[in-house]
Amino acid sequence: MKDVNDAVELLWSKLEVWGEQIVLMLPNIFVALILLIITVYVAKIIRDWLGKFMGKFSHSAAINNLILTILHIGMLMVGFFFVLSVLNLDRVVISLLAGVGIIGLALGFAFQDIAANFISGVIIAVQKPFGVGDMIETNDYFGNIERITLRTIDIRQVTGELVRVPNKMVFENPLTNFSINGSRRIDLEVGISYAEDLEHVQQVVIEALQDVKNRIKTRDIEVMYDSFGDSSINFKARFWVSYSRQVDFVSAKSDAIIRIKKAFDANDILIPFPIRTLDFGIKGGEKLSEELQSITASIKKGQRLNGEGQ
């Protein structure tokens, strides 16, 4: 019973000491509460003002929200540390700062891939190498950009699949933006017979491609011969088309093929089939042609002998 009384007295004495300390700290607590309210209010005002100011210079909502959130949290943390200092909790402030550093280091190692995608997303948002609606090819994916976030890029492939590519992969690997110039060049390979007049063919092709779908008429059509094939002389017909979607490119190329085929038919220009010469070997490595000549000579000799016998 005595031990219980002693414990109760010790607890009561502790409560009295704490109560006296709380009474002594009431002014500090009051000041700390006012400082905390002011911090929250001022941080909100500054965030709203910076949001309007940044909107005039940066059109990336993701970047703007990221910067504003970081600044807002930073201002709240500064105010919170001041509140702890007013309450004479300096040791708590030091412990919190050390804990934040250790936690940040641990999270950095645990989520380094997420952090890399996030940082890559920030850089992409600042540099703006592409935008929503652009047709791009990266990491073996080809399609239209539907959404850009600070972690991934959503690409709708031309075959309909939606691919979410991490920003780190896009940032570190080659990327082709087909929409950035609003135009694309079509290189169409064609072969004609060796018997054709090459200059005449050039003129026929140029005239045939004048009204191709989506063709940019301010840029010349080029017809350039580039090789002697096995059964044809090959050339490339090159022309530029307006480009915003992949269908613009595909339909223009298809239309060009149709027009060239019709023009060749109208002018009796031949697109030759591939020609292959087969040479069969006989026993001892003798060629078939030589064996046929020998057989033919034997037949003729037999015919002469028969004629003399008669």
Protein backbone atom coordinates (compact mmCIF):
# COMPACT_ATOMS: atom_id res chain seq x y z
CA MET A 1 0.00 0.00 0.00
CA LYS A 2 2.88 2.29 0.83
CA ASP A 3 4.40 1.75 -2.65
CA VAL A 4 1.11 2.72 -4.29
CA ASN A 5 0.89 5.93 -2.23
CA ASP A 6 4.47 6.80 -3.11
CA ALA A 7 3.74 6.25 -6.82
CA VAL A 8 0.62 8.42 -6.64
CA GLU A 9 2.51 11.20 -4.87
CA LEU A 10 5.31 11.04 -7.46
CA LEU A 11 2.82 11.21 -10.32
CA TRP A 12 0.98 14.11 -8.69
CA SER A 13 4.21 16.03 -8.19
CA LYS A 14 5.10 15.50 -11.85
CA LEU A 15 1.68 16.73 -12.95
CA GLU A 16 2.07 19.82 -10.76
CA VAL A 17 5.45 20.58 -12.35
CA TRP A 18 4.06 20.10 -15.84
CA GLY A 19 1.06 22.26 -15.00
CA GLU A 20 3.30 25.05 -13.74
CA GLN A 21 5.40 24.79 -16.92
CA ILE A 22 2.30 24.93 -19.10
CA VAL A 23 1.08 28.03 -17.26
CA LEU A 24 4.49 29.65 -17.72
CA MET A 25 4.45 28.71 -21.44
CA LEU A 26 0.90 29.98 -22.12
CA PRO A 27 2.19 33.23 -23.68
CA ASN A 28 4.57 31.24 -25.89
CA ILE A 29 1.78 28.83 -26.87
CA PHE A 30 -0.46 31.79 -27.75
CA VAL A 31 2.28 33.37 -29.86
CA ALA A 32 3.01 30.01 -31.51
CA LEU A 33 -0.65 29.54 -32.50
CA ILE A 34 -0.81 33.04 -33.97
CA LEU A 35 2.44 32.42 -35.85
CA LEU A 36 1.11 29.12 -37.20
CA ILE A 37 -2.14 30.73 -38.43
CA ILE A 38 -0.21 33.58 -40.05
CA THR A 39 2.13 31.09 -41.74
CA VAL A 40 -0.75 29.10 -43.27
CA TYR A 41 -2.53 32.26 -44.41
CA VAL A 42 0.57 33.91 -45.91
CA ALA A 43 1.63 30.67 -47.63
CA LYS A 44 -1.80 30.42 -49.29
CA ILE A 45 -1.70 34.06 -50.45
CA ILE A 46 1.82 33.70 -51.87
CA ARG A 47 0.89 30.46 -53.64
CA ASP A 48 -2.16 32.05 -55.29
CA TRP A 49 -0.15 35.09 -56.36
CA LEU A 50 2.71 33.01 -57.75
CA GLY A 51 0.18 30.81 -59.59
CA LYS A 52 -1.19 33.82 -61.48
CA PHE A 53 2.31 35.17 -62.12
CA MET A 54 3.74 31.88 -63.41
CA GLY A 55 0.74 31.31 -65.67
CA LYS A 56 1.92 34.24 -67.79
CA PHE A 57 5.34 32.72 -68.45
CA SER A 58 4.82 28.96 -68.29
CA HIS A 59 1.98 27.09 -70.02
CA SER A 60 2.82 23.74 -68.45
CA ALA A 61 0.22 23.09 -65.76
CA ALA A 62 2.20 20.13 -64.41
CA ILE A 63 5.36 22.18 -63.88
CA ASN A 64 3.44 25.10 -62.39
CA ASN A 65 1.63 22.87 -59.89
CA LEU A 66 4.87 21.11 -58.97
CA ILE A 67 6.74 24.36 -58.25
CA LEU A 68 3.83 25.87 -56.34
CA THR A 69 3.40 22.73 -54.23
CA ILE A 70 7.11 22.62 -53.34
CA LEU A 71 7.13 26.30 -52.40
CA HIS A 72 3.94 25.95 -50.35
CA ILE A 73 5.27 22.99 -48.40
CA GLY A 74 8.59 24.76 -47.88
CA MET A 75 6.90 27.86 -46.43
CA LEU A 76 4.75 25.72 -44.12
CA MET A 77 7.82 23.84 -42.87
CA VAL A 78 9.71 27.08 -42.17
CA GLY A 79 6.75 28.41 -40.20
CA PHE A 80 6.41 25.09 -38.31
CA PHE A 81 10.08 25.19 -37.28
CA PHE A 82 9.64 28.78 -36.04
CA VAL A 83 6.66 27.63 -33.98
CA LEU A 84 8.76 24.90 -32.36
CA SER A 85 11.50 27.44 -31.62
CA VAL A 86 9.00 29.74 -29.90
CA LEU A 87 7.94 26.79 -27.73
CA ASN A 88 11.61 26.21 -26.80
CA LEU A 89 11.65 22.88 -28.63
CA ASP A 90 14.93 23.48 -30.45
CA ARG A 91 16.08 19.93 -29.87
CA VAL A 92 12.91 18.67 -31.52
CA VAL A 93 13.68 20.87 -34.54
CA ILE A 94 17.18 19.39 -34.84
CA SER A 95 15.81 15.85 -34.48
CA LEU A 96 13.14 16.50 -37.13
CA LEU A 97 15.71 17.89 -39.58
CA ALA A 98 17.95 14.88 -39.04
CA GLY A 99 14.98 12.53 -39.43
CA VAL A 100 13.86 14.24 -42.63
CA GLY A 101 17.36 13.86 -44.07
CA ILE A 102 17.56 10.18 -43.22
CA ILE A 103 14.04 9.47 -44.51
CA GLY A 104 14.77 11.39 -47.71
CA LEU A 105 17.94 9.39 -48.30
CA ALA A 106 16.14 6.08 -47.71
CA LEU A 107 13.27 7.06 -50.01
CA GLY A 108 15.76 8.15 -52.66
CA PHE A 109 17.31 4.69 -52.77
CA ALA A 110 13.96 2.89 -52.56
CA PHE A 111 12.23 4.92 -55.28
CA GLN A 112 15.14 5.89 -57.53
CA ASP A 113 13.34 4.74 -60.69
CA ILE A 114 10.26 6.78 -59.80
CA ALA A 115 12.50 9.75 -59.01
CA ALA A 116 14.32 9.34 -62.34
CA ASN A 117 10.99 9.28 -64.23
CA PHE A 118 9.82 12.31 -62.27
CA ILE A 119 12.97 14.35 -62.98
CA SER A 120 12.88 13.30 -66.64
CA GLY A 121 9.25 14.42 -66.78
CA VAL A 122 10.19 17.83 -65.38
CA ILE A 123 12.96 18.26 -67.98
CA ILE A 124 10.63 17.18 -70.80
CA ALA A 125 7.97 19.61 -69.60
CA VAL A 126 10.52 22.45 -69.60
CA GLN A 127 12.15 21.64 -72.97
CA LYS A 128 8.87 20.70 -74.71
CA PRO A 129 10.32 18.48 -77.49
CA PHE A 130 6.76 17.35 -78.28
CA GLY A 131 3.18 17.98 -77.25
CA VAL A 132 -0.18 16.26 -76.98
CA GLY A 133 -1.36 15.27 -80.47
CA ASP A 134 2.12 14.87 -81.97
CA MET A 135 3.01 11.70 -83.90
CA ILE A 136 6.25 10.28 -82.49
CA GLU A 137 8.37 7.14 -82.58
CA THR A 138 10.43 6.11 -79.55
CA ASN A 139 11.52 2.84 -77.95
CA ASP A 140 9.99 0.92 -80.90
CA TYR A 141 6.58 2.52 -80.29
CA PHE A 142 4.96 4.61 -83.03
CA GLY A 143 1.80 6.58 -82.46
CA ASN A 144 -0.02 9.69 -81.33
CA ILE A 145 0.60 11.30 -77.92
CA GLU A 146 -2.61 11.35 -75.89
CA ARG A 147 -1.32 12.47 -72.48
CA ILE A 148 1.89 13.77 -70.89
CA THR A 149 2.42 13.49 -67.13
CA LEU A 150 5.42 13.90 -64.87
CA ARG A 151 5.84 10.11 -64.80
CA THR A 152 4.73 8.67 -68.17
CA ILE A 153 3.82 9.53 -71.75
CA ASP A 154 0.68 7.87 -73.15
CA ILE A 155 1.09 6.89 -76.81
CA ARG A 156 -1.86 5.64 -78.88
CA GLN A 157 -0.28 3.41 -81.54
CA VAL A 158 -1.60 3.48 -85.11
CA THR A 159 -2.99 -0.02 -84.54
CA GLY A 160 -5.06 1.19 -81.57
CA GLU A 161 -3.06 0.03 -78.53
CA LEU A 162 -2.37 2.51 -75.71
CA VAL A 163 1.23 2.38 -74.44
CA ARG A 164 2.43 4.18 -71.32
CA VAL A 165 6.14 4.80 -71.73
CA PRO A 166 8.12 5.92 -68.63
CA ASN A 167 9.62 9.39 -69.02
CA LYS A 168 13.11 8.05 -68.26
CA MET A 169 13.00 5.78 -71.34
CA VAL A 170 11.81 8.64 -73.55
CA PHE A 171 14.42 11.04 -72.19
CA GLU A 172 17.38 8.64 -72.54
CA ASN A 173 16.56 7.11 -75.96
CA PRO A 174 16.27 8.54 -79.49
CA LEU A 175 12.91 10.03 -80.40
CA THR A 176 11.50 11.04 -83.79
CA ASN A 177 8.78 13.71 -83.90
CA PHE A 178 6.97 13.46 -87.24
CA SER A 179 4.57 16.34 -86.50
CA ILE A 180 7.00 19.06 -85.51
CA ASN A 181 7.34 20.51 -89.05
CA GLY A 182 3.81 19.80 -90.27
CA SER A 183 5.17 18.12 -93.40
CA ARG A 184 6.82 14.87 -94.48
CA ARG A 185 8.63 13.65 -97.57
CA ILE A 186 7.55 10.48 -99.37
CA ASP A 187 10.25 8.45 -101.13
CA LEU A 188 8.58 6.06 -103.58
CA GLU A 189 10.77 3.40 -105.19
CA VAL A 190 9.85 2.36 -108.77
CA GLY A 191 11.51 0.18 -111.44
CA ILE A 192 11.15 0.42 -115.24
CA SER A 193 12.31 -1.65 -118.19
CA TYR A 194 15.78 -1.15 -119.67
CA ALA A 195 14.12 -0.40 -123.00
CA GLU A 196 12.38 2.77 -121.80
CA ASP A 197 13.37 6.37 -122.51
CA LEU A 198 14.51 7.52 -119.05
CA GLU A 199 13.94 11.23 -119.62
CA HIS A 200 10.44 10.55 -120.93
CA VAL A 201 9.68 8.43 -117.85
CA GLN A 202 10.85 11.29 -115.60
CA GLN A 203 8.44 13.69 -117.25
CA VAL A 204 5.53 11.24 -117.09
CA VAL A 205 6.05 10.61 -113.36
CA ILE A 206 6.34 14.32 -112.52
CA GLU A 207 3.11 15.09 -114.38
CA ALA A 208 1.34 12.14 -112.73
CA LEU A 209 2.22 13.32 -109.21
CA GLN A 210 1.16 16.95 -109.59
CA ASP A 211 -2.24 16.50 -107.92
CA VAL A 212 -1.45 13.82 -105.33
CA LYS A 213 -3.48 14.11 -102.09
CA ASN A 214 -2.03 16.53 -99.50
CA ARG A 215 0.98 17.37 -101.70
CA ILE A 216 2.73 20.63 -100.88
CA LYS A 217 2.77 22.29 -104.29
CA THR A 218 5.39 24.87 -103.36
CA ARG A 219 8.02 22.10 -103.25
CA ASP A 220 9.24 20.40 -106.42
CA ILE A 221 8.71 16.76 -107.30
CA GLU A 222 12.02 14.94 -107.71
CA VAL A 223 12.55 11.85 -109.87
CA MET A 224 16.08 10.50 -109.42
CA TYR A 225 17.52 7.29 -110.91
CA ASP A 226 19.69 5.49 -108.39
CA SER A 227 20.55 1.93 -109.50
CA PHE A 228 20.66 -0.70 -112.24
CA GLY A 229 18.58 -3.62 -111.00
CA ASP A 230 18.61 -7.25 -112.14
CA SER A 231 15.68 -6.68 -114.46
CA SER A 232 14.91 -2.96 -114.19
CA ILE A 233 16.36 0.53 -113.85
CA ASN A 234 15.29 1.83 -110.44
CA PHE A 235 14.42 5.38 -109.43
CA LYS A 236 12.91 7.25 -106.48
CA ALA A 237 10.01 9.66 -106.82
CA ARG A 238 10.22 12.16 -103.94
CA PHE A 239 7.58 14.70 -102.97
CA TRP A 240 6.37 16.48 -99.81
CA VAL A 241 2.93 16.24 -98.20
CA SER A 242 1.17 18.03 -95.35
CA TYR A 243 1.31 15.90 -92.22
CA SER A 244 -0.71 15.93 -89.03
CA ARG A 245 -1.85 12.30 -88.87
CA GLN A 246 -0.37 9.06 -90.17
CA VAL A 247 -3.31 8.62 -92.53
CA ASP A 248 -2.14 11.74 -94.41
CA PHE A 249 1.13 10.02 -95.26
CA VAL A 250 -0.35 6.60 -96.07
CA SER A 251 -3.16 7.92 -98.28
CA ALA A 252 -0.80 10.20 -100.23
CA LYS A 253 1.60 7.32 -100.88
CA SER A 254 -1.23 5.07 -102.03
CA ASP A 255 -2.60 7.78 -104.33
CA ALA A 256 0.86 8.29 -105.84
CA ILE A 257 1.21 4.57 -106.64
CA ILE A 258 -2.19 4.55 -108.37
CA ARG A 259 -1.37 7.65 -110.42
CA ILE A 260 2.03 6.34 -111.54
CA LYS A 261 0.56 2.97 -112.58
CA LYS A 262 -2.18 4.67 -114.63
CA ALA A 263 0.33 7.01 -116.25
CA PHE A 264 2.63 4.11 -117.18
CA ASP A 265 -0.29 2.19 -118.69
CA ALA A 266 -1.35 5.22 -120.71
CA ASN A 267 2.17 5.73 -122.07
CA ASP A 268 3.03 2.03 -122.61
CA ILE A 269 5.82 2.17 -120.02
CA LEU A 270 6.70 -1.28 -118.73
CA ILE A 271 7.29 -2.21 -115.12
CA PRO A 272 9.15 -5.51 -115.65
CA PHE A 273 8.70 -8.68 -113.65
CA PRO A 274 11.86 -10.03 -112.00
CA ILE A 275 13.83 -12.27 -114.41
CA ARG A 276 15.85 -15.25 -113.21
CA THR A 277 18.16 -17.45 -115.38
CA LEU A 278 18.54 -21.01 -114.09
CA ASP A 279 21.59 -23.10 -115.16
CA PHE A 280 21.39 -26.83 -114.33
CA GLY A 281 24.59 -28.83 -114.13
CA ILE A 282 24.93 -32.43 -115.60
CA LYS A 283 27.31 -35.19 -114.54
CA GLY A 284 30.94 -34.20 -114.35
CA GLY A 285 30.00 -30.54 -114.10
CA GLU A 286 29.01 -30.23 -117.77
CA LYS A 287 26.48 -27.50 -118.50
CA LEU A 288 23.01 -28.30 -119.81
CA SER A 289 23.54 -26.13 -122.90
CA GLU A 290 26.65 -28.05 -123.88
CA GLU A 291 24.89 -31.38 -123.38
CA LEU A 292 21.98 -30.23 -125.57
CA GLN A 293 24.38 -29.21 -128.34
CA SER A 294 26.01 -32.65 -128.17
CA ILE A 295 22.65 -34.39 -128.35
CA THR A 296 21.55 -32.22 -131.30
CA ALA A 297 24.79 -32.98 -133.20
CA SER A 298 24.32 -36.73 -132.63
CA ILE A 299 20.76 -36.56 -134.00
CA LYS A 300 21.87 -34.70 -137.11
CA LYS A 301 24.69 -37.19 -137.71
CA GLY A 302 22.30 -40.11 -137.44
CA GLN A 303 19.93 -38.49 -139.91
CA ARG A 304 22.77 -38.10 -142.45
CA LEU A 305 23.84 -41.74 -142.07
CA ASN A 306 20.27 -42.90 -142.64
CA GLY A 307 20.07 -40.83 -145.79
CA GLU A 308 23.26 -42.30 -147.22
CA GLY A 309 22.10 -45.87 -146.46
CA GLN A 310 18.94 -45.33 -148.45
